[in-house]
Protein backbone atom coordinates (compact mmCIF):
# COMPACT_ATOMS: atom_id res chain seq x y z
CA UNK A 1 22.53 -30.18 -20.58
CA UNK A 2 19.08 -29.15 -21.84
CA UNK A 3 17.72 -32.63 -21.21
CA UNK A 4 19.00 -32.64 -17.65
CA UNK A 5 17.38 -29.27 -16.98
CA UNK A 6 14.02 -30.57 -18.14
CA UNK A 7 14.49 -33.64 -15.96
CA UNK A 8 15.18 -31.46 -12.93
CA UNK A 9 12.10 -29.35 -13.61
CA UNK A 10 9.97 -32.47 -14.04
CA UNK A 11 11.15 -33.83 -10.70
CA UNK A 12 10.27 -30.52 -9.03
CA UNK A 13 6.76 -30.53 -10.51
CA UNK A 14 6.24 -34.16 -9.50
CA UNK A 15 7.42 -33.37 -5.96
CA UNK A 16 4.98 -30.50 -5.64
CA UNK A 17 2.23 -32.66 -7.09
CA UNK A 18 2.75 -34.91 -4.09
CA UNK A 19 2.77 -31.92 -1.73
CA UNK A 20 -0.18 -30.06 -3.24
CA UNK A 21 -2.83 -31.97 -1.22
CA UNK A 22 -1.17 -30.61 1.92
CA UNK A 23 -1.48 -27.06 0.61
CA UNK A 24 -5.02 -27.31 -0.73
CA UNK A 25 -8.34 -26.64 0.86
CA UNK A 26 -11.41 -28.72 0.11
CA UNK A 27 -13.07 -27.00 -2.85
CA UNK A 28 -15.47 -29.79 -3.76
CA UNK A 29 -18.23 -27.56 -2.39
CA UNK A 30 -16.72 -24.23 -3.38
CA UNK A 31 -19.23 -21.40 -3.05
CA UNK A 32 -19.37 -17.96 -4.51
CA UNK A 33 -18.95 -16.38 -1.09
CA UNK A 34 -15.57 -17.96 -0.41
CA UNK A 35 -12.12 -16.71 -1.39
CA UNK A 36 -8.76 -18.45 -1.00
CA UNK A 37 -5.63 -16.30 -1.05
CA UNK A 38 -2.19 -17.94 -1.36
CA UNK A 39 0.59 -15.90 0.21
CA UNK A 40 3.89 -16.00 2.07
CA UNK A 41 3.10 -17.05 5.62
CA UNK A 42 4.06 -15.95 9.12
CA UNK A 43 3.93 -12.27 10.05
CA UNK A 44 3.32 -11.38 6.39
CA UNK A 45 0.09 -13.38 6.23
CA UNK A 46 -1.02 -11.99 9.59
CA UNK A 47 -0.59 -8.42 8.35
CA UNK A 48 -2.31 -9.24 5.04
CA UNK A 49 -5.29 -10.68 6.89
CA UNK A 50 -5.62 -7.77 9.31
CA UNK A 51 -5.15 -5.01 6.72
CA UNK A 52 -7.19 -6.45 3.85
CA UNK A 53 -8.68 -9.89 4.44
CA UNK A 54 -10.74 -9.22 7.55
CA UNK A 55 -11.99 -5.76 6.47
CA UNK A 56 -12.95 -7.14 3.04
CA UNK A 57 -14.89 -9.95 4.70
CA UNK A 58 -16.69 -7.52 6.99
CA UNK A 59 -17.59 -5.24 4.09
CA UNK A 60 -18.74 -7.91 1.64
CA UNK A 61 -19.63 -11.00 3.61
CA UNK A 62 -17.09 -13.04 1.64
CA UNK A 63 -15.12 -15.53 3.70
CA UNK A 64 -11.38 -15.15 3.07
CA UNK A 65 -9.09 -18.07 3.76
CA UNK A 66 -5.32 -17.59 3.63
CA UNK A 67 -3.06 -20.44 2.54
CA UNK A 68 0.57 -20.07 3.61
CA UNK A 69 2.72 -21.31 0.76
CA UNK A 70 6.04 -19.43 1.06
CA UNK A 71 7.93 -19.68 -2.23
CA UNK A 72 7.44 -22.30 -4.93
CA UNK A 73 4.15 -20.77 -6.06
CA UNK A 74 4.80 -21.55 -9.71
CA UNK A 75 5.49 -25.23 -9.23
CA UNK A 76 2.53 -25.55 -6.85
CA UNK A 77 0.12 -23.90 -9.27
CA UNK A 78 1.50 -25.96 -12.15
CA UNK A 79 0.89 -29.10 -10.14
CA UNK A 80 -2.64 -28.01 -9.21
CA UNK A 81 -3.44 -27.24 -12.84
CA UNK A 82 -2.00 -30.58 -14.00
CA UNK A 83 -4.23 -32.32 -11.46
CA UNK A 84 -7.23 -30.28 -12.67
CA UNK A 85 -7.72 -29.09 -9.09
CA UNK A 86 -6.80 -25.42 -8.78
CA UNK A 87 -7.76 -24.30 -5.27
CA UNK A 88 -6.43 -20.73 -5.16
CA UNK A 89 -8.47 -17.67 -6.16
CA UNK A 90 -5.81 -15.01 -5.60
CA UNK A 91 -2.05 -15.51 -5.53
CA UNK A 92 0.41 -12.98 -4.15
CA UNK A 93 3.76 -13.58 -5.83
CA UNK A 94 6.77 -11.81 -7.30
CA UNK A 95 6.27 -10.14 -10.66
CA UNK A 96 8.97 -12.26 -12.29
CA UNK A 97 7.18 -15.42 -11.23
CA UNK A 98 3.86 -13.97 -12.38
CA UNK A 99 5.31 -13.34 -15.82
CA UNK A 100 6.39 -16.98 -16.03
CA UNK A 101 2.87 -18.10 -15.09
CA UNK A 102 1.42 -15.83 -17.78
CA UNK A 103 3.66 -17.46 -20.37
CA UNK A 104 2.50 -20.87 -19.12
CA UNK A 105 -1.16 -19.87 -19.55
CA UNK A 106 -1.91 -20.30 -15.83
CA UNK A 107 -3.21 -16.79 -15.08
CA UNK A 108 -6.28 -15.05 -16.42
CA UNK A 109 -6.22 -11.44 -17.62
CA UNK A 110 -8.13 -8.76 -15.80
CA UNK A 111 -11.53 -7.93 -17.29
CA UNK A 112 -11.30 -4.69 -19.25
CA UNK A 113 -13.74 -2.83 -17.00
CA UNK A 114 -11.90 -3.89 -13.85
CA UNK A 115 -8.54 -2.92 -15.31
CA UNK A 116 -9.90 0.54 -16.09
CA UNK A 117 -11.20 0.90 -12.51
CA UNK A 118 -7.89 -0.16 -11.03
CA UNK A 119 -5.93 2.26 -13.22
CA UNK A 120 -8.24 5.09 -12.17
CA UNK A 121 -7.62 4.22 -8.51
CA UNK A 122 -3.86 3.60 -8.46
CA UNK A 123 -2.35 4.68 -11.78
CA UNK A 124 -1.23 2.92 -14.93
CA UNK A 125 2.20 2.07 -13.53
CA UNK A 126 0.65 -0.10 -10.80
CA UNK A 127 -1.63 -2.20 -13.01
CA UNK A 128 -0.73 -4.84 -15.59
CA UNK A 129 -2.94 -6.85 -17.91
CA UNK A 130 -2.95 -9.65 -15.32
CA UNK A 131 -2.73 -8.07 -11.89
CA UNK A 132 -2.11 -5.16 -9.57
CA UNK A 133 1.01 -4.14 -7.70
CA UNK A 134 1.25 -5.30 -4.10
CA UNK A 135 3.96 -5.45 -1.45
CA UNK A 136 6.49 -3.36 -3.36
CA UNK A 137 9.83 -3.89 -1.69
CA UNK A 138 13.55 -3.67 -2.02
CA UNK A 139 16.25 -6.03 -1.00
CA UNK A 140 18.50 -4.22 1.43
CA UNK A 141 21.89 -4.66 3.04
CA UNK A 142 21.14 -5.27 6.72
CA UNK A 143 23.71 -5.36 9.51
CA UNK A 144 23.50 -5.99 13.25
CA UNK A 145 25.36 -2.90 14.39
CA UNK A 146 25.58 -4.16 17.97
CA UNK A 147 27.82 -7.09 17.08
CA UNK A 148 29.42 -6.19 13.75
CA UNK A 149 32.95 -4.77 13.63
CA UNK A 150 31.83 -2.56 10.74
CA UNK A 151 28.59 -2.40 8.75
CA UNK A 152 28.74 -2.37 4.94
CA UNK A 153 26.71 0.33 3.20
CA UNK A 154 27.37 -0.56 -0.46
CA UNK A 155 27.45 -3.79 -2.48
CA UNK A 156 31.22 -3.47 -2.82
CA UNK A 157 31.59 -3.25 0.96
CA UNK A 158 29.35 -6.29 1.44
CA UNK A 159 31.77 -8.22 -0.78
CA UNK A 160 34.76 -6.86 1.20
CA UNK A 161 35.04 -9.60 3.81
CA UNK A 162 38.39 -8.32 5.15
CA UNK A 163 37.29 -4.81 6.08
CA UNK A 164 33.74 -5.86 6.91
CA UNK A 165 34.09 -9.25 8.60
CA UNK A 166 31.20 -11.30 9.91
CA UNK A 167 28.88 -14.18 9.11
CA UNK A 168 26.72 -13.39 6.10
CA UNK A 169 23.42 -14.44 4.57
CA UNK A 170 21.69 -14.08 1.20
CA UNK A 171 18.35 -15.18 -0.25
CA UNK A 172 18.53 -18.70 -1.64
CA UNK A 173 15.83 -18.03 -4.25
CA UNK A 174 16.92 -14.48 -5.05
CA UNK A 175 18.80 -15.11 -8.27
CA UNK A 176 18.04 -11.77 -9.95
CA UNK A 177 18.85 -9.71 -6.84
CA UNK A 178 22.09 -11.62 -6.39
CA UNK A 179 23.17 -10.93 -9.97
CA UNK A 180 22.45 -7.22 -9.57
CA UNK A 181 24.31 -6.90 -6.28
CA UNK A 182 27.25 -8.84 -7.72
CA UNK A 183 27.56 -6.58 -10.75
CA UNK A 184 27.28 -3.44 -8.63
CA UNK A 185 29.97 -4.84 -6.33
CA UNK A 186 32.12 -5.40 -9.41
CA UNK A 187 31.86 -1.75 -10.39
CA UNK A 188 29.03 -1.71 -12.93
CA UNK A 189 27.06 1.55 -12.84
CA UNK A 190 23.34 1.32 -12.10
CA UNK A 191 22.38 2.78 -15.45
CA UNK A 192 24.50 0.18 -17.25
CA UNK A 193 23.21 -2.93 -15.46
CA UNK A 194 20.70 -4.15 -18.04
CA UNK A 195 21.06 -6.34 -19.95
CA UNK A 196 22.80 -8.15 -17.10
CA UNK A 197 26.22 -9.63 -17.80
CA UNK A 198 25.42 -13.04 -16.36
CA UNK A 199 28.90 -14.54 -16.69
CA UNK A 200 30.49 -11.54 -14.99
CA UNK A 201 27.90 -11.69 -12.20
CA UNK A 202 28.51 -15.38 -11.48
CA UNK A 203 32.26 -14.79 -11.45
CA UNK A 204 31.75 -12.14 -8.78
CA UNK A 205 29.34 -14.38 -6.88
CA UNK A 206 32.06 -17.05 -6.80
CA UNK A 207 34.06 -14.65 -4.62
CA UNK A 208 31.36 -14.21 -1.96
CA UNK A 209 29.89 -17.71 -1.95
CA UNK A 210 32.42 -19.20 0.55
CA UNK A 211 31.49 -16.42 2.98
CA UNK A 212 27.70 -16.92 2.84
CA UNK A 213 26.95 -18.97 5.94
CA UNK A 214 23.17 -19.20 5.48
CA UNK A 215 21.06 -19.10 2.32
CA UNK A 216 17.67 -18.18 3.78
CA UNK A 217 14.49 -19.28 2.04
CA UNK A 218 11.64 -17.65 4.00
CA UNK A 219 11.14 -14.23 5.54
CA UNK A 220 10.69 -15.70 9.00
CA UNK A 221 13.99 -17.57 8.70
CA UNK A 222 15.81 -14.41 7.59
CA UNK A 223 14.76 -12.71 10.83
CA UNK A 224 15.39 -15.73 13.04
CA UNK A 225 19.03 -16.05 12.02
CA UNK A 226 19.58 -12.39 12.91
CA UNK A 227 17.80 -12.69 16.25
CA UNK A 228 19.90 -15.75 17.10
CA UNK A 229 23.06 -13.92 15.93
CA UNK A 230 23.70 -16.81 13.57
CA UNK A 231 24.63 -14.11 11.06
CA UNK A 232 25.86 -10.54 11.45
CA UNK A 233 24.93 -9.08 8.07
CA UNK A 234 23.04 -10.02 4.96
CA UNK A 235 20.76 -9.14 2.09
CA UNK A 236 17.13 -9.22 3.26
CA UNK A 237 13.75 -7.98 2.14
CA UNK A 238 13.38 -4.46 3.49
CA UNK A 239 10.21 -5.14 5.50
CA UNK A 240 11.74 -8.12 7.24
CA UNK A 241 14.95 -6.18 7.87
CA UNK A 242 13.28 -3.15 9.44
CA UNK A 243 11.03 -5.45 11.46
CA UNK A 244 14.09 -6.76 13.26
CA UNK A 245 14.22 -3.57 15.33
CA UNK A 246 10.98 -4.51 17.05
CA UNK A 247 12.53 -7.93 17.72
CA UNK A 248 15.47 -6.45 19.63
CA UNK A 249 18.07 -6.34 16.86
CA UNK A 250 20.07 -3.13 16.41
CA UNK A 251 19.83 -3.37 12.64
CA UNK A 252 21.37 -0.85 10.27
CA UNK A 253 20.00 -0.70 6.72
CA UNK A 254 21.52 0.51 3.47
CA UNK A 255 19.41 0.96 0.32
CA UNK A 256 22.39 1.74 -1.88
CA UNK A 257 21.92 -0.38 -5.00
CA UNK A 258 18.75 -2.06 -3.69
CA UNK A 259 16.87 -3.99 -6.37
CA UNK A 260 13.33 -2.63 -6.17
CA UNK A 261 10.59 -5.05 -7.16
CA UNK A 262 7.01 -5.85 -6.36
CA UNK A 263 4.55 -8.64 -6.02
CA UNK A 264 1.40 -8.82 -8.08
CA UNK A 265 -2.00 -9.96 -6.91
CA UNK A 266 -3.14 -12.27 -9.70
CA UNK A 267 -5.98 -14.70 -10.41
CA UNK A 268 -5.27 -18.25 -11.64
CA UNK A 269 -6.81 -19.23 -14.97
CA UNK A 270 -8.93 -21.92 -13.32
CA UNK A 271 -9.63 -20.15 -10.02
CA UNK A 272 -12.77 -21.56 -8.39
CA UNK A 273 -14.22 -18.11 -7.62
CA UNK A 274 -12.76 -15.53 -10.02
CA UNK A 275 -15.53 -12.98 -9.45
CA UNK A 276 -14.80 -12.92 -5.72
CA UNK A 277 -11.11 -12.58 -6.59
CA UNK A 278 -11.74 -9.59 -8.86
CA UNK A 279 -13.91 -8.00 -6.18
CA UNK A 280 -11.01 -8.36 -3.76
CA UNK A 281 -8.58 -6.66 -6.16
CA UNK A 282 -11.04 -3.80 -6.60
CA UNK A 283 -11.49 -3.44 -2.84
CA UNK A 284 -7.73 -3.48 -2.23
CA UNK A 285 -7.12 -0.75 -4.81
CA UNK A 286 -9.79 1.58 -3.45
CA UNK A 287 -9.10 1.34 0.29
CA UNK A 288 -5.92 3.29 1.12
CA UNK A 289 -6.71 3.01 4.83
CA UNK A 290 -5.99 -0.71 4.57
CA UNK A 291 -2.81 0.12 2.67
CA UNK A 292 -1.61 2.41 5.45
CA UNK A 293 -2.28 -0.29 8.03
CA UNK A 294 -0.34 -2.78 5.88
CA UNK A 295 2.64 -0.45 5.47
CA UNK A 296 2.85 0.18 9.20
CA UNK A 297 2.54 -3.52 10.00
CA UNK A 298 5.00 -5.03 7.53
CA UNK A 299 6.88 -2.19 5.80
CA UNK A 300 6.08 -3.05 2.17
CA UNK A 301 4.52 -0.68 -0.32
CA UNK A 302 1.04 -0.71 -1.84
CA UNK A 303 -0.44 0.44 -5.13
CA UNK A 304 -2.64 3.28 -3.84
CA UNK A 305 -0.42 6.37 -3.30
CA UNK A 306 -2.92 7.83 -0.83
CA UNK A 307 -1.96 5.10 1.63
CA UNK A 308 1.39 6.77 2.38
CA UNK A 309 -0.08 10.07 3.55
CA UNK A 310 -0.68 9.02 7.15
CA UNK A 311 2.33 6.75 7.60
CA UNK A 312 5.09 8.09 9.91
CA UNK A 313 8.29 9.17 8.15
CA UNK A 314 10.40 6.81 10.23
CA UNK A 315 8.55 3.92 8.60
CA UNK A 316 8.77 5.09 5.00
CA UNK A 317 12.49 5.76 5.54
CA UNK A 318 12.99 1.99 5.86
CA UNK A 319 11.01 1.11 2.73
CA UNK A 320 12.68 0.35 -0.57
CA UNK A 321 9.52 1.49 -2.35
CA UNK A 322 9.55 4.98 -0.79
CA UNK A 323 10.56 7.78 -3.18
CA UNK A 324 13.81 8.60 -1.37
CA UNK A 325 14.97 4.98 -1.44
CA UNK A 326 13.84 4.26 -4.98
CA UNK A 327 16.31 6.97 -6.01
CA UNK A 328 19.16 4.95 -4.42
CA UNK A 329 18.04 1.63 -5.82
CA UNK A 330 17.64 -0.20 -9.09
CA UNK A 331 14.28 -0.87 -10.70
CA UNK A 332 14.16 -4.44 -11.94
CA UNK A 333 13.83 -5.02 -15.67
CA UNK A 334 11.11 -7.66 -15.60
CA UNK A 335 11.19 -8.13 -19.37
CA UNK A 336 14.86 -9.10 -19.15
CA UNK A 337 14.01 -11.61 -16.45
CA UNK A 338 11.17 -12.92 -18.60
CA UNK A 339 13.49 -13.57 -21.52
CA UNK A 340 16.33 -15.09 -19.51
CA UNK A 341 14.65 -16.85 -16.59
CA UNK A 342 14.71 -20.32 -18.18
CA UNK A 343 18.42 -19.92 -18.87
CA UNK A 344 19.60 -18.31 -15.63
CA UNK A 345 17.40 -19.93 -12.97
CA UNK A 346 18.70 -23.48 -13.60
CA UNK A 347 22.25 -22.11 -13.62
CA UNK A 348 21.58 -20.41 -10.27
CA UNK A 349 20.16 -23.62 -8.82
CA UNK A 350 23.14 -25.65 -10.00
CA UNK A 351 25.55 -22.99 -8.74
CA UNK A 352 24.00 -23.03 -5.27
CA UNK A 353 24.25 -26.81 -5.13
CA UNK A 354 27.85 -26.97 -6.34
């Protein structure tokens, strides 16, 4: 079994090695005044550019280019590094994935002086040795109230397909969120979740799997299937879920049991322009006005707490990272994910394919 897992991983890396040229920019003439940011695409990238990229460029003269690479960041960066052609200066990715890249030696630590500046600006809890918190979010149970017979408000109700009928969706790459929701649906108390009982979680997931009609893989897709009424309810990222209201969907959200996580802004070990990348992290941390604009545009949290002061309450009410919703949710144990990722992720992939 171990050999087959390595073979699968090798095929994935080879595949992305073939795709990397399509995701790269020409860095043969990379200059100090250029910055390439890899992020999630669609409305997310648009909001990122408007809130942070464009203002940073105007303030510093640095040209910021966004590369849309939704998901698969780890394999893409591994392939770039193997080809000795890393083209990204800043990567915006989930903390669990960032931890895996740290273990692989593909990220560089923050300089000590920068880390101290970032901590002073946003607090110790929002800064790690390798990056700064960005796009804090929760997965949330979303339901189209206009077409659903009844909307689930707890994980157990989401699993109850008889009393809460309707086509469902879950995140195809969201293995840790899925395990947490499954255990909560099976009656495990929030305070007793970690370490996760993986076997028990997969047994509970077996019950819901036949009723998941779409396993979405990008934020844009998760919204599209709701707009098209391809699904009635599902587990979505909170920002994408709340954004459905502006797209004409009468969506109802429940943060009960929401796994709360965050992205990190990190710098690859062989980034072409690390100094420009570190300048960007510093600028992001010290400009709460950009953070407020980001929150209003996309509904995800930021590191600087001052950014929330001017944001309307109806927006923060739909954010997993807001204080009232954090109290209902579950903070992810990233160290557990770090220790068990190589064991559980292949099992998740095989389970999805079975």
